[in-house]
C-alpha atoms as a PDB file:
ATOM      1  CA  MET A   1     -50.798 -16.660  60.697  1.00  0.00           C
ATOM      2  CA  ILE A   2     -48.385 -16.641  63.641  1.00  0.00           C
ATOM      3  CA  ASN A   3     -47.255 -20.109  64.709  1.00  0.00           C
ATOM      4  CA  LEU A   4     -46.780 -19.935  68.455  1.00  0.00           C
ATOM      5  CA  LEU A   5     -45.433 -22.451  70.979  1.00  0.00           C
ATOM      6  CA  LEU A   6     -46.176 -21.930  74.685  1.00  0.00           C
ATOM      7  CA  ILE A   7     -43.600 -23.602  76.925  1.00  0.00           C
ATOM      8  CA  GLU A   8     -45.505 -23.522  80.179  1.00  0.00           C
ATOM      9  CA  ASP A   9     -46.346 -26.147  82.800  1.00  0.00           C
ATOM     10  CA  SER A  10     -49.389 -24.344  84.240  1.00  0.00           C
ATOM     11  CA  ALA A  11     -52.469 -25.669  82.451  1.00  0.00           C
ATOM     12  CA  VAL A  12     -54.558 -22.809  83.836  1.00  0.00           C
ATOM     13  CA  PHE A  13     -52.192 -20.155  82.468  1.00  0.00           C
ATOM     14  CA  VAL A  14     -52.026 -21.899  79.089  1.00  0.00           C
ATOM     15  CA  MET A  15     -55.809 -21.975  78.895  1.00  0.00           C
ATOM     16  CA  GLY A  16     -56.089 -18.285  79.769  1.00  0.00           C
ATOM     17  CA  LEU A  17     -53.471 -17.206  77.239  1.00  0.00           C
ATOM     18  CA  LYS A  18     -55.072 -19.300  74.509  1.00  0.00           C
ATOM     19  CA  LEU A  19     -58.400 -17.597  75.235  1.00  0.00           C
ATOM     20  CA  ALA A  20     -56.741 -14.159  75.030  1.00  0.00           C
ATOM     21  CA  LEU A  21     -55.048 -15.035  71.751  1.00  0.00           C
ATOM     22  CA  GLY A  22     -58.274 -16.417  70.352  1.00  0.00           C
ATOM     23  CA  ALA A  23     -60.016 -13.114  71.013  1.00  0.00           C
ATOM     24  CA  ASP A  24     -57.445 -11.153  69.006  1.00  0.00           C
ATOM     25  CA  PRO A  25     -58.140 -10.358  65.338  1.00  0.00           C
ATOM     26  CA  VAL A  26     -54.635 -11.506  64.366  1.00  0.00           C
ATOM     27  CA  SER A  27     -54.611 -15.209  63.558  1.00  0.00           C
ATOM     28  CA  PHE A  28     -52.580 -17.446  65.846  1.00  0.00           C
ATOM     29  CA  CYS A  29     -51.874 -21.152  65.610  1.00  0.00           C
ATOM     30  CA  VAL A  30     -51.076 -22.044  69.226  1.00  0.00           C
ATOM     31  CA  GLU A  31     -49.573 -25.229  70.647  1.00  0.00           C
ATOM     32  CA  SER A  32     -48.267 -25.838  74.146  1.00  0.00           C
ATOM     33  CA  VAL A  33     -45.778 -28.130  75.866  1.00  0.00           C
ATOM     34  CA  ALA A  34     -44.879 -28.437  79.534  1.00  0.00           C
ATOM     35  CA  SER A  35     -41.162 -29.265  79.478  1.00  0.00           C
ATOM     36  CA  PRO A  36     -37.929 -28.289  77.726  1.00  0.00           C
ATOM     37  CA  LYS A  37     -37.526 -31.790  76.299  1.00  0.00           C
ATOM     38  CA  ALA A  38     -41.010 -31.670  74.778  1.00  0.00           C
ATOM     39  CA  ALA A  39     -40.303 -28.166  73.421  1.00  0.00           C
ATOM     40  CA  VAL A  40     -37.179 -29.286  71.565  1.00  0.00           C
ATOM     41  CA  ALA A  41     -39.000 -32.327  70.176  1.00  0.00           C
ATOM     42  CA  TYR A  42     -41.914 -30.174  69.003  1.00  0.00           C
ATOM     43  CA  LEU A  43     -39.677 -27.588  67.355  1.00  0.00           C
ATOM     44  CA  ASN A  44     -37.683 -30.271  65.556  1.00  0.00           C
ATOM     45  CA  ALA A  45     -40.965 -31.588  64.150  1.00  0.00           C
ATOM     46  CA  HIS A  46     -42.408 -28.116  63.411  1.00  0.00           C
ATOM     47  CA  PRO A  47     -39.638 -25.913  61.962  1.00  0.00           C
ATOM     48  CA  ALA A  48     -42.175 -23.285  60.830  1.00  0.00           C
ATOM     49  CA  THR A  49     -42.831 -22.215  64.425  1.00  0.00           C
ATOM     50  CA  ASP A  50     -42.406 -18.423  64.631  1.00  0.00           C
ATOM     51  CA  ILE A  51     -42.256 -17.690  68.367  1.00  0.00           C
ATOM     52  CA  ALA A  52     -41.680 -19.627  71.568  1.00  0.00           C
ATOM     53  CA  VAL A  53     -43.128 -18.101  74.731  1.00  0.00           C
ATOM     54  CA  VAL A  54     -41.092 -19.438  77.655  1.00  0.00           C
ATOM     55  CA  ASP A  55     -41.810 -19.630  81.367  1.00  0.00           C
ATOM     56  CA  ILE A  56     -38.801 -19.540  83.698  1.00  0.00           C
ATOM     57  CA  THR A  57     -39.945 -21.890  86.454  1.00  0.00           C
ATOM     58  CA  LEU A  58     -40.541 -25.082  84.529  1.00  0.00           C
ATOM     59  CA  GLU A  59     -40.855 -28.179  86.710  1.00  0.00           C
ATOM     60  CA  ALA A  60     -38.356 -30.094  84.614  1.00  0.00           C
ATOM     61  CA  GLU A  61     -34.673 -30.818  84.200  1.00  0.00           C
ATOM     62  CA  THR A  62     -33.913 -27.437  82.578  1.00  0.00           C
ATOM     63  CA  ASP A  63     -35.318 -24.076  83.628  1.00  0.00           C
ATOM     64  CA  GLY A  64     -36.619 -21.553  81.148  1.00  0.00           C
ATOM     65  CA  LEU A  65     -33.535 -19.340  81.200  1.00  0.00           C
ATOM     66  CA  ASP A  66     -31.226 -22.219  80.311  1.00  0.00           C
ATOM     67  CA  LEU A  67     -33.742 -23.356  77.710  1.00  0.00           C
ATOM     68  CA  LEU A  68     -33.429 -19.992  75.943  1.00  0.00           C
ATOM     69  CA  ASP A  69     -29.760 -20.705  75.258  1.00  0.00           C
ATOM     70  CA  ILE A  70     -30.634 -24.149  73.885  1.00  0.00           C
ATOM     71  CA  LEU A  71     -33.307 -22.700  71.605  1.00  0.00           C
ATOM     72  CA  ARG A  72     -31.011 -19.909  70.362  1.00  0.00           C
ATOM     73  CA  LYS A  73     -28.317 -22.401  69.371  1.00  0.00           C
ATOM     74  CA  SER A  74     -30.590 -25.126  67.984  1.00  0.00           C
ATOM     75  CA  PHE A  75     -33.248 -22.982  66.259  1.00  0.00           C
ATOM     76  CA  PRO A  76     -31.552 -19.722  65.184  1.00  0.00           C
ATOM     77  CA  THR A  77     -34.580 -18.402  63.244  1.00  0.00           C
ATOM     78  CA  LEU A  78     -36.969 -18.896  66.163  1.00  0.00           C
ATOM     79  CA  LYS A  79     -37.968 -15.772  68.096  1.00  0.00           C
ATOM     80  CA  THR A  80     -38.302 -16.174  71.856  1.00  0.00           C
ATOM     81  CA  MET A  81     -39.917 -14.200  74.648  1.00  0.00           C
ATOM     82  CA  VAL A  82     -40.362 -14.764  78.368  1.00  0.00           C
ATOM     83  CA  LEU A  83     -43.502 -14.670  80.498  1.00  0.00           C
ATOM     84  CA  SER A  84     -42.681 -14.994  84.181  1.00  0.00           C
ATOM     85  CA  HIS A  85     -43.804 -14.127  87.685  1.00  0.00           C
ATOM     86  CA  TYR A  86     -40.281 -12.847  88.344  1.00  0.00           C
ATOM     87  CA  LYS A  87     -39.190  -9.251  87.733  1.00  0.00           C
ATOM     88  CA  ASN A  88     -35.601  -9.710  88.911  1.00  0.00           C
ATOM     89  CA  PRO A  89     -33.233  -7.619  86.752  1.00  0.00           C
ATOM     90  CA  SER A  90     -30.661 -10.443  86.701  1.00  0.00           C
ATOM     91  CA  TYR A  91     -33.270 -12.771  85.171  1.00  0.00           C
ATOM     92  CA  ILE A  92     -34.150 -10.138  82.590  1.00  0.00           C
ATOM     93  CA  LEU A  93     -30.464  -9.686  81.782  1.00  0.00           C
ATOM     94  CA  LYS A  94     -29.981 -13.416  81.325  1.00  0.00           C
ATOM     95  CA  ALA A  95     -33.067 -13.664  79.105  1.00  0.00           C
ATOM     96  CA  ILE A  96     -31.974 -10.782  76.872  1.00  0.00           C
ATOM     97  CA  THR A  97     -28.398 -12.030  76.551  1.00  0.00           C
ATOM     98  CA  SER A  98     -29.840 -15.429  75.631  1.00  0.00           C
ATOM     99  CA  GLY A  99     -31.732 -13.902  72.726  1.00  0.00           C
ATOM    100  CA  ALA A 100     -35.213 -13.201  74.117  1.00  0.00           C
ATOM    101  CA  CYS A 101     -37.011 -10.406  72.285  1.00  0.00           C
ATOM    102  CA  ALA A 102     -39.317  -9.576  75.193  1.00  0.00           C
ATOM    103  CA  TYR A 103     -39.651 -10.183  78.927  1.00  0.00           C
ATOM    104  CA  LEU A 104     -43.115  -9.700  80.362  1.00  0.00           C
ATOM    105  CA  ALA A 105     -44.473 -10.363  83.825  1.00  0.00           C
ATOM    106  CA  LYS A 106     -47.450 -12.672  84.171  1.00  0.00           C
ATOM    107  CA  ASP A 107     -49.447  -9.918  85.851  1.00  0.00           C
ATOM    108  CA  SER A 108     -49.443  -7.992  82.566  1.00  0.00           C
ATOM    109  CA  SER A 109     -52.820  -7.518  80.952  1.00  0.00           C
ATOM    110  CA  PRO A 110     -53.819 -10.134  78.355  1.00  0.00           C
ATOM    111  CA  GLU A 111     -54.036  -7.348  75.782  1.00  0.00           C
ATOM    112  CA  SER A 112     -50.434  -6.230  76.355  1.00  0.00           C
ATOM    113  CA  ILE A 113     -49.163  -9.820  76.146  1.00  0.00           C
ATOM    114  CA  VAL A 114     -50.999 -10.395  72.862  1.00  0.00           C
ATOM    115  CA  ARG A 115     -49.740  -7.064  71.525  1.00  0.00           C
ATOM    116  CA  ALA A 116     -46.143  -7.929  72.468  1.00  0.00           C
ATOM    117  CA  ILE A 117     -46.402 -11.303  70.725  1.00  0.00           C
ATOM    118  CA  GLY A 118     -47.602  -9.563  67.581  1.00  0.00           C
ATOM    119  CA  ASP A 119     -44.797  -6.999  67.774  1.00  0.00           C
ATOM    120  CA  VAL A 120     -42.158  -9.694  68.256  1.00  0.00           C
ATOM    121  CA  ALA A 121     -43.561 -11.575  65.257  1.00  0.00           C
ATOM    122  CA  ALA A 122     -43.218  -8.354  63.251  1.00  0.00           C
ATOM    123  CA  GLY A 123     -39.512  -8.190  64.057  1.00  0.00           C
ATOM    124  CA  LYS A 124     -39.598  -5.681  66.901  1.00  0.00           C
ATOM    125  CA  CYS A 125     -37.988  -6.435  70.240  1.00  0.00           C
ATOM    126  CA  LEU A 126     -37.214  -5.390  73.782  1.00  0.00           C
ATOM    127  CA  PHE A 127     -40.649  -5.199  75.343  1.00  0.00           C
ATOM    128  CA  PHE A 128     -41.008  -5.309  79.110  1.00  0.00           C
ATOM    129  CA  GLY A 129     -44.755  -5.034  79.588  1.00  0.00           C
ATOM    130  CA  GLU A 130     -46.642  -2.547  81.702  1.00  0.00           C
ATOM    131  CA  THR A 131     -45.786  -3.992  85.137  1.00  0.00           C
ATOM    132  CA  ILE A 132     -41.988  -3.994  84.783  1.00  0.00           C
ATOM    133  CA  GLU A 133     -40.194  -0.686  85.346  1.00  0.00           C
ATOM    134  CA  SER A 134     -38.690  -0.589  81.871  1.00  0.00           C
ATOM    135  CA  GLU A 135     -36.909   2.729  82.365  1.00  0.00           C
ATOM    136  CA  ARG A 136     -35.179   1.359  85.459  1.00  0.00           C
ATOM    137  CA  ILE A 137     -34.177  -1.780  83.573  1.00  0.00           C
ATOM    138  CA  LEU A 138     -32.752   0.304  80.746  1.00  0.00           C
ATOM    139  CA  ARG A 139     -30.788   2.476  83.179  1.00  0.00           C
ATOM    140  CA  LEU A 140     -29.344  -0.592  84.894  1.00  0.00           C
ATOM    141  CA  PHE A 141     -28.154  -1.994  81.595  1.00  0.00           C
ATOM    142  CA  GLY A 142     -26.710   1.192  80.170  1.00  0.00           C
ATOM    143  CA  GLY A 143     -29.623   2.332  78.017  1.00  0.00           C
ATOM    144  CA  ARG A 144     -31.738   0.870  75.237  1.00  0.00           C
ATOM    145  CA  GLU A 145     -29.003   0.966  72.598  1.00  0.00           C
ATOM    146  CA  ASN A 146     -26.642  -0.997  74.841  1.00  0.00           C
ATOM    147  CA  LEU A 147     -29.312  -3.528  75.782  1.00  0.00           C
ATOM    148  CA  GLU A 148     -30.319  -4.044  72.169  1.00  0.00           C
ATOM    149  CA  THR A 149     -26.819  -5.327  71.459  1.00  0.00           C
ATOM    150  CA  ARG A 150     -27.528  -8.031  74.090  1.00  0.00           C
ATOM    151  CA  LYS A 151     -24.221  -7.111  75.714  1.00  0.00           C
ATOM    152  CA  PRO A 152     -25.150  -5.019  78.773  1.00  0.00           C
ATOM    153  CA  LEU A 153     -22.199  -2.850  79.811  1.00  0.00           C
ATOM    154  CA  GLY A 154     -20.303  -4.449  76.947  1.00  0.00           C
ATOM    155  CA  LEU A 155     -20.082  -7.812  78.737  1.00  0.00           C
ATOM    156  CA  THR A 156     -20.199 -10.996  76.699  1.00  0.00           C
ATOM    157  CA  PRO A 157     -22.340 -13.934  77.920  1.00  0.00           C
ATOM    158  CA  ARG A 158     -19.201 -15.790  79.087  1.00  0.00           C
ATOM    159  CA  GLU A 159     -17.925 -12.720  80.939  1.00  0.00           C
ATOM    160  CA  LEU A 160     -21.316 -12.478  82.629  1.00  0.00           C
ATOM    161  CA  GLU A 161     -21.015 -16.125  83.702  1.00  0.00           C
ATOM    162  CA  VAL A 162     -17.571 -15.523  85.183  1.00  0.00           C
ATOM    163  CA  LEU A 163     -18.820 -12.407  86.967  1.00  0.00           C
ATOM    164  CA  GLN A 164     -21.840 -14.213  88.404  1.00  0.00           C
ATOM    165  CA  LEU A 165     -19.786 -17.178  89.602  1.00  0.00           C
ATOM    166  CA  THR A 166     -17.296 -14.783  91.179  1.00  0.00           C
ATOM    167  CA  SER A 167     -20.117 -12.986  92.974  1.00  0.00           C
ATOM    168  CA  SER A 168     -21.328 -16.379  94.226  1.00  0.00           C
ATOM    169  CA  GLY A 169     -17.989 -17.014  95.909  1.00  0.00           C
ATOM    170  CA  TYR A 170     -16.423 -19.386  93.389  1.00  0.00           C
ATOM    171  CA  SER A 171     -12.628 -19.520  93.281  1.00  0.00           C
ATOM    172  CA  ASN A 172     -10.792 -19.313  89.955  1.00  0.00           C
ATOM    173  CA  ALA A 173     -10.296 -23.070  90.010  1.00  0.00           C
ATOM    174  CA  GLN A 174     -13.991 -23.665  90.693  1.00  0.00           C
ATOM    175  CA  ILE A 175     -15.012 -21.299  87.900  1.00  0.00           C
ATOM    176  CA  ALA A 176     -12.631 -23.066  85.517  1.00  0.00           C
ATOM    177  CA  SER A 177     -14.145 -26.428  86.449  1.00  0.00           C
ATOM    178  CA  ALA A 178     -17.743 -25.199  86.171  1.00  0.00           C
ATOM    179  CA  LEU A 179     -17.199 -23.610  82.745  1.00  0.00           C
ATOM    180  CA  GLU A 180     -14.718 -26.240  81.501  1.00  0.00           C
ATOM    181  CA  ILE A 181     -11.996 -23.696  80.775  1.00  0.00           C
ATOM    182  CA  SER A 182      -8.485 -23.180  82.145  1.00  0.00           C
ATOM    183  CA  VAL A 183      -7.626 -21.101  85.199  1.00  0.00           C
ATOM    184  CA  ASN A 184      -5.546 -18.820  82.948  1.00  0.00           C
ATOM    185  CA  THR A 185      -8.640 -18.237  80.802  1.00  0.00           C
ATOM    186  CA  VAL A 186     -10.619 -17.310  83.921  1.00  0.00           C
ATOM    187  CA  ASP A 187      -7.908 -14.762  84.758  1.00  0.00           C
ATOM    188  CA  SER A 188      -8.172 -13.365  81.232  1.00  0.00           C
ATOM    189  CA  TYR A 189     -11.937 -12.990  81.532  1.00  0.00           C
ATOM    190  CA  LYS A 190     -11.548 -11.171  84.838  1.00  0.00           C
ATOM    191  CA  GLU A 191      -9.078  -8.750  83.286  1.00  0.00           C
ATOM    192  CA  ARG A 192     -11.567  -8.045  80.487  1.00  0.00           C
ATOM    193  CA  ILE A 193     -14.359  -7.528  83.023  1.00  0.00           C
ATOM    194  CA  LYS A 194     -12.251  -4.976  84.935  1.00  0.00           C
ATOM    195  CA  SER A 195     -11.543  -3.197  81.676  1.00  0.00           C
ATOM    196  CA  ARG A 196     -15.266  -3.088  80.798  1.00  0.00           C
ATOM    197  CA  PHE A 197     -16.094  -1.519  84.160  1.00  0.00           C
ATOM    198  CA  GLY A 198     -13.029   0.702  84.230  1.00  0.00           C
ATOM    199  CA  LEU A 199     -12.182  -0.589  87.710  1.00  0.00           C
ATOM    200  CA  ASP A 200      -8.995  -1.938  89.282  1.00  0.00           C
ATOM    201  CA  SER A 201     -10.328  -4.980  91.145  1.00  0.00           C
ATOM    202  CA  ILE A 202     -12.799  -7.748  90.391  1.00  0.00           C
ATOM    203  CA  ILE A 203     -14.407  -7.180  93.814  1.00  0.00           C
ATOM    204  CA  GLU A 204     -15.287  -3.619  92.784  1.00  0.00           C
ATOM    205  CA  CYS A 205     -16.781  -5.025  89.574  1.00  0.00           C
ATOM    206  CA  VAL A 206     -18.901  -7.499  91.538  1.00  0.00           C
ATOM    207  CA  ALA A 207     -20.127  -4.760  93.887  1.00  0.00           C
ATOM    208  CA  THR A 208     -21.002  -2.467  90.982  1.00  0.00           C
ATOM    209  CA  ALA A 209     -22.740  -5.249  89.056  1.00  0.00           C
ATOM    210  CA  ALA A 210     -24.707  -6.302  92.122  1.00  0.00           C
ATOM    211  CA  ALA A 211     -25.818  -2.726  92.769  1.00  0.00           C
ATOM    212  CA  ARG A 212     -27.102  -2.539  89.188  1.00  0.00           C
ATOM    213  CA  GLY A 213     -28.908  -5.865  89.414  1.00  0.00           C
ATOM    214  CA  ILE A 214     -26.657  -7.535  86.833  1.00  0.00           C
ATOM    215  CA  VAL A 215     -25.537 -10.291  89.224  1.00  0.00           C
ATOM    216  CA  THR A 216     -26.842 -11.658  92.493  1.00  0.00           C
ATOM    217  CA  VAL A 217     -24.643 -12.063  95.548  1.00  0.00           C
END
């Protein structure tokens, strides 16, 4: 029995996925919630939940990508995966670095979604579904082995945050304020980022990361 929580605010999609899961020979116990707050409350009350399937565009105070970080920190044994309309590499990067075991598009076949859920429950990971160009994603992130470490190009989650904020035009002082760190620490992160890329300037790092879909500009 796989205990599954769907974190999805589309009642129609929830109904369709429940029907697909019900048609599979593997046994699923499926519950659904429509908001991050309800998801955390449910998981606190049901610690035996095996997998949370998360949508990105939740109409609530926290989107699905931020929710992944909350779930990873609060429920370390919980496996997570994403089902989304979006195929943006930067979203996929964020999901993987936040601990998601799979990222599938909602236009995947019901059979492939059910199969991925079963594989994630079995301890496998890094599934992209049939409608995401998985080979392109792997190339962007330095190959499967690199992506499986959840540190694409060797970047840590905090380095990725600094890089993204830099690409969005934030000054060092603004980055420090947003991340609640010192300006000197921001400088240190930028030096590490340049070392990871093997480049001399942070602007070159931003351009390279943007070209690979790691950050958005």
